[in-house]
């Protein structure tokens, strides 16, 4: 079930968008992520599966791993994760297992999105943790970045 926009959501999503640009400069799919707790950035990252030869090196996974190290805990309770693109099934499962409280993403991924598009894992009955989520924060900017990136690739 989606939740309402919070005032700082745009600020943090702008940072995630900056990180997505870093991914693009590195030749990666431009996705960025920021993990926040109590108004403080704990961790951030961008897509890097190509450069690391690691299929799990999505922006969300990189950020969750770094957040766990900062908190010295595999549970990221009371955190908010900001991502420029709707998480895939792998990332959404990691978000749930990490006990992230809230997910904010910019643009939906109709083919692979696992929050509310191709799959609806955020609301799946079989999960024992429910992640609050908000979509559409800086959607136009993040969507345009992805469209431009893939247009140049083709």
C-alpha atoms as a PDB file:
ATOM      1  CA  UNK A   1       0.000   0.000   0.000  1.00  0.00           C
ATOM      2  CA  UNK A   2       1.529   3.355  -0.999  1.00  0.00           C
ATOM      3  CA  UNK A   3       2.132   6.053   1.575  1.00  0.00           C
ATOM      4  CA  UNK A   4       2.247   9.822   1.284  1.00  0.00           C
ATOM      5  CA  UNK A   5       5.181  11.947   0.265  1.00  0.00           C
ATOM      6  CA  UNK A   6       7.337  13.379   3.046  1.00  0.00           C
ATOM      7  CA  UNK A   7       8.939  16.813   2.670  1.00  0.00           C
ATOM      8  CA  UNK A   8      12.548  15.522   2.506  1.00  0.00           C
ATOM      9  CA  UNK A   9      11.781  12.873  -0.103  1.00  0.00           C
ATOM     10  CA  UNK A  10      12.707  15.165  -3.001  1.00  0.00           C
ATOM     11  CA  UNK A  11      15.978  16.178  -1.358  1.00  0.00           C
ATOM     12  CA  UNK A  12      17.093  12.585  -0.889  1.00  0.00           C
ATOM     13  CA  UNK A  13      15.869  11.558  -4.334  1.00  0.00           C
ATOM     14  CA  UNK A  14      17.956  14.358  -5.846  1.00  0.00           C
ATOM     15  CA  UNK A  15      20.990  12.740  -4.239  1.00  0.00           C
ATOM     16  CA  UNK A  16      19.966   9.345  -5.617  1.00  0.00           C
ATOM     17  CA  UNK A  17      19.656  10.959  -9.055  1.00  0.00           C
ATOM     18  CA  UNK A  18      23.199  12.355  -8.731  1.00  0.00           C
ATOM     19  CA  UNK A  19      24.375   8.835  -7.958  1.00  0.00           C
ATOM     20  CA  UNK A  20      22.495   7.507 -10.989  1.00  0.00           C
ATOM     21  CA  UNK A  21      24.491   9.956 -13.098  1.00  0.00           C
ATOM     22  CA  UNK A  22      27.677   8.456 -11.589  1.00  0.00           C
ATOM     23  CA  UNK A  23      26.514   5.015 -12.730  1.00  0.00           C
ATOM     24  CA  UNK A  24      25.864   6.372 -16.210  1.00  0.00           C
ATOM     25  CA  UNK A  25      29.367   7.886 -16.390  1.00  0.00           C
ATOM     26  CA  UNK A  26      30.755   4.464 -15.505  1.00  0.00           C
ATOM     27  CA  UNK A  27      28.775   2.832 -18.329  1.00  0.00           C
ATOM     28  CA  UNK A  28      26.275   1.232 -15.980  1.00  0.00           C
ATOM     29  CA  UNK A  29      22.473   1.440 -16.092  1.00  0.00           C
ATOM     30  CA  UNK A  30      21.809   4.772 -14.333  1.00  0.00           C
ATOM     31  CA  UNK A  31      20.233   3.815 -11.017  1.00  0.00           C
ATOM     32  CA  UNK A  32      21.182   5.372  -7.691  1.00  0.00           C
ATOM     33  CA  UNK A  33      20.136   4.690  -4.102  1.00  0.00           C
ATOM     34  CA  UNK A  34      20.401   6.423  -0.725  1.00  0.00           C
ATOM     35  CA  UNK A  35      19.685   4.925   2.720  1.00  0.00           C
ATOM     36  CA  UNK A  36      18.525   7.405   5.378  1.00  0.00           C
ATOM     37  CA  UNK A  37      17.800   7.108   9.086  1.00  0.00           C
ATOM     38  CA  UNK A  38      16.647   9.963  11.308  1.00  0.00           C
ATOM     39  CA  UNK A  39      17.393  12.494   8.576  1.00  0.00           C
ATOM     40  CA  UNK A  40      20.990  11.299   8.125  1.00  0.00           C
ATOM     41  CA  UNK A  41      22.435   9.525   5.092  1.00  0.00           C
ATOM     42  CA  UNK A  42      23.829   6.173   6.238  1.00  0.00           C
ATOM     43  CA  UNK A  43      24.879   4.804   2.868  1.00  0.00           C
ATOM     44  CA  UNK A  44      24.566   5.327  -0.844  1.00  0.00           C
ATOM     45  CA  UNK A  45      25.416   3.551  -4.048  1.00  0.00           C
ATOM     46  CA  UNK A  46      24.775   3.122  -7.723  1.00  0.00           C
ATOM     47  CA  UNK A  47      24.502   0.248 -10.160  1.00  0.00           C
ATOM     48  CA  UNK A  48      27.824  -1.441 -10.838  1.00  0.00           C
ATOM     49  CA  UNK A  49      27.236  -5.062 -11.939  1.00  0.00           C
ATOM     50  CA  UNK A  50      29.120  -4.552 -15.224  1.00  0.00           C
ATOM     51  CA  UNK A  51      32.258  -3.021 -13.721  1.00  0.00           C
ATOM     52  CA  UNK A  52      32.360  -5.494 -10.809  1.00  0.00           C
ATOM     53  CA  UNK A  53      31.283  -8.581 -12.762  1.00  0.00           C
ATOM     54  CA  UNK A  54      28.704  -9.075 -10.010  1.00  0.00           C
ATOM     55  CA  UNK A  55      25.089  -9.661 -11.048  1.00  0.00           C
ATOM     56  CA  UNK A  56      23.928  -8.673  -7.553  1.00  0.00           C
ATOM     57  CA  UNK A  57      25.647  -5.254  -7.596  1.00  0.00           C
ATOM     58  CA  UNK A  58      22.457  -3.265  -8.046  1.00  0.00           C
ATOM     59  CA  UNK A  59      22.294   0.186  -6.445  1.00  0.00           C
ATOM     60  CA  UNK A  60      19.956  -1.079  -3.729  1.00  0.00           C
ATOM     61  CA  UNK A  61      22.156  -4.042  -2.770  1.00  0.00           C
ATOM     62  CA  UNK A  62      25.322  -1.922  -2.678  1.00  0.00           C
ATOM     63  CA  UNK A  63      23.523   0.594  -0.449  1.00  0.00           C
ATOM     64  CA  UNK A  64      21.977  -1.990   1.878  1.00  0.00           C
ATOM     65  CA  UNK A  65      25.345  -3.707   2.362  1.00  0.00           C
ATOM     66  CA  UNK A  66      27.015  -0.397   3.202  1.00  0.00           C
ATOM     67  CA  UNK A  67      24.164   0.517   5.563  1.00  0.00           C
ATOM     68  CA  UNK A  68      24.549  -2.762   7.415  1.00  0.00           C
ATOM     69  CA  UNK A  69      28.232  -2.037   7.960  1.00  0.00           C
ATOM     70  CA  UNK A  70      27.484   1.465   9.245  1.00  0.00           C
ATOM     71  CA  UNK A  71      24.837   0.218  11.677  1.00  0.00           C
ATOM     72  CA  UNK A  72      26.822  -2.927  12.470  1.00  0.00           C
ATOM     73  CA  UNK A  73      23.588  -4.845  11.940  1.00  0.00           C
ATOM     74  CA  UNK A  74      21.943  -6.770   9.123  1.00  0.00           C
ATOM     75  CA  UNK A  75      18.600  -5.251  10.163  1.00  0.00           C
ATOM     76  CA  UNK A  76      18.119  -1.721   8.883  1.00  0.00           C
ATOM     77  CA  UNK A  77      15.164  -0.902  11.120  1.00  0.00           C
ATOM     78  CA  UNK A  78      13.554   2.545  10.851  1.00  0.00           C
ATOM     79  CA  UNK A  79      15.385   3.405   7.640  1.00  0.00           C
ATOM     80  CA  UNK A  80      14.143   4.807   4.345  1.00  0.00           C
ATOM     81  CA  UNK A  81      15.647   3.706   1.041  1.00  0.00           C
ATOM     82  CA  UNK A  82      15.464   6.110  -1.913  1.00  0.00           C
ATOM     83  CA  UNK A  83      15.932   4.601  -5.381  1.00  0.00           C
ATOM     84  CA  UNK A  84      15.602   6.153  -8.820  1.00  0.00           C
ATOM     85  CA  UNK A  85      13.960   3.031 -10.312  1.00  0.00           C
ATOM     86  CA  UNK A  86      11.453   0.564  -8.879  1.00  0.00           C
ATOM     87  CA  UNK A  87      13.412  -2.337  -7.358  1.00  0.00           C
ATOM     88  CA  UNK A  88      13.557  -5.745  -9.033  1.00  0.00           C
ATOM     89  CA  UNK A  89      12.592  -8.980  -7.247  1.00  0.00           C
ATOM     90  CA  UNK A  90      16.125  -9.564  -5.926  1.00  0.00           C
ATOM     91  CA  UNK A  91      16.384  -6.062  -4.506  1.00  0.00           C
ATOM     92  CA  UNK A  92      12.873  -6.053  -3.097  1.00  0.00           C
ATOM     93  CA  UNK A  93      13.556  -9.323  -1.284  1.00  0.00           C
ATOM     94  CA  UNK A  94      16.726  -7.831   0.211  1.00  0.00           C
ATOM     95  CA  UNK A  95      14.821  -4.690   1.257  1.00  0.00           C
ATOM     96  CA  UNK A  96      12.229  -6.821   3.047  1.00  0.00           C
ATOM     97  CA  UNK A  97      14.820  -9.069   4.708  1.00  0.00           C
ATOM     98  CA  UNK A  98      16.756  -5.987   5.885  1.00  0.00           C
ATOM     99  CA  UNK A  99      13.566  -4.694   7.509  1.00  0.00           C
ATOM    100  CA  UNK A 100      13.744  -1.331   5.737  1.00  0.00           C
ATOM    101  CA  UNK A 101      10.766   0.631   7.011  1.00  0.00           C
ATOM    102  CA  UNK A 102      10.062   2.733   3.950  1.00  0.00           C
ATOM    103  CA  UNK A 103      10.935   2.639   0.260  1.00  0.00           C
ATOM    104  CA  UNK A 104      10.697   5.676  -2.016  1.00  0.00           C
ATOM    105  CA  UNK A 105      11.285   5.231  -5.726  1.00  0.00           C
ATOM    106  CA  UNK A 106      11.058   7.593  -8.656  1.00  0.00           C
ATOM    107  CA  UNK A 107       9.883   5.648 -11.656  1.00  0.00           C
ATOM    108  CA  UNK A 108       8.147   2.333 -12.160  1.00  0.00           C
ATOM    109  CA  UNK A 109       9.672  -0.549 -14.089  1.00  0.00           C
ATOM    110  CA  UNK A 110       6.737  -2.187 -15.901  1.00  0.00           C
ATOM    111  CA  UNK A 111       8.751  -5.242 -17.001  1.00  0.00           C
ATOM    112  CA  UNK A 112      10.827  -6.025 -13.898  1.00  0.00           C
ATOM    113  CA  UNK A 113       9.532  -3.852 -11.053  1.00  0.00           C
ATOM    114  CA  UNK A 114       8.696  -5.895  -7.971  1.00  0.00           C
ATOM    115  CA  UNK A 115       6.967  -3.314  -5.765  1.00  0.00           C
ATOM    116  CA  UNK A 116       3.797  -2.569  -7.727  1.00  0.00           C
ATOM    117  CA  UNK A 117       4.442  -3.292 -11.418  1.00  0.00           C
ATOM    118  CA  UNK A 118       5.369  -6.751 -12.744  1.00  0.00           C
ATOM    119  CA  UNK A 119       5.204  -8.108  -9.172  1.00  0.00           C
ATOM    120  CA  UNK A 120       3.658  -6.690  -6.005  1.00  0.00           C
ATOM    121  CA  UNK A 121       6.086  -7.978  -3.392  1.00  0.00           C
ATOM    122  CA  UNK A 122       5.611  -4.989  -1.103  1.00  0.00           C
ATOM    123  CA  UNK A 123       2.098  -6.196  -0.398  1.00  0.00           C
ATOM    124  CA  UNK A 124       2.651  -9.958  -0.640  1.00  0.00           C
ATOM    125  CA  UNK A 125       0.809 -11.860   2.086  1.00  0.00           C
ATOM    126  CA  UNK A 126       3.583 -14.445   2.508  1.00  0.00           C
ATOM    127  CA  UNK A 127       6.123 -11.863   3.714  1.00  0.00           C
ATOM    128  CA  UNK A 128       6.499 -11.272   7.452  1.00  0.00           C
ATOM    129  CA  UNK A 129       7.608  -7.633   7.027  1.00  0.00           C
ATOM    130  CA  UNK A 130       5.674  -4.985   5.140  1.00  0.00           C
ATOM    131  CA  UNK A 131       7.601  -2.132   3.583  1.00  0.00           C
ATOM    132  CA  UNK A 132       5.804   1.187   3.290  1.00  0.00           C
ATOM    133  CA  UNK A 133       6.355   2.650  -0.162  1.00  0.00           C
ATOM    134  CA  UNK A 134       5.945   5.827  -2.154  1.00  0.00           C
ATOM    135  CA  UNK A 135       6.435   6.187  -5.884  1.00  0.00           C
ATOM    136  CA  UNK A 136       6.770   9.063  -8.303  1.00  0.00           C
ATOM    137  CA  UNK A 137       9.266  11.329  -6.499  1.00  0.00           C
ATOM    138  CA  UNK A 138      11.223  13.090  -9.293  1.00  0.00           C
ATOM    139  CA  UNK A 139       9.705  10.607 -11.696  1.00  0.00           C
ATOM    140  CA  UNK A 140      10.138  12.734 -14.817  1.00  0.00           C
ATOM    141  CA  UNK A 141      13.823  13.421 -14.220  1.00  0.00           C
ATOM    142  CA  UNK A 142      14.689   9.821 -13.401  1.00  0.00           C
ATOM    143  CA  UNK A 143      12.606   8.411 -16.266  1.00  0.00           C
ATOM    144  CA  UNK A 144      14.255  10.774 -18.726  1.00  0.00           C
ATOM    145  CA  UNK A 145      17.729   9.739 -17.596  1.00  0.00           C
ATOM    146  CA  UNK A 146      16.887   6.074 -18.186  1.00  0.00           C
ATOM    147  CA  UNK A 147      15.216   6.753 -21.557  1.00  0.00           C
ATOM    148  CA  UNK A 148      18.187   8.774 -22.774  1.00  0.00           C
ATOM    149  CA  UNK A 149      20.642   6.125 -21.578  1.00  0.00           C
ATOM    150  CA  UNK A 150      18.880   3.278 -23.393  1.00  0.00           C
ATOM    151  CA  UNK A 151      18.290   5.378 -26.512  1.00  0.00           C
ATOM    152  CA  UNK A 152      22.058   5.931 -26.780  1.00  0.00           C
ATOM    153  CA  UNK A 153      22.713   2.197 -26.244  1.00  0.00           C
ATOM    154  CA  UNK A 154      20.456   1.196 -29.131  1.00  0.00           C
END
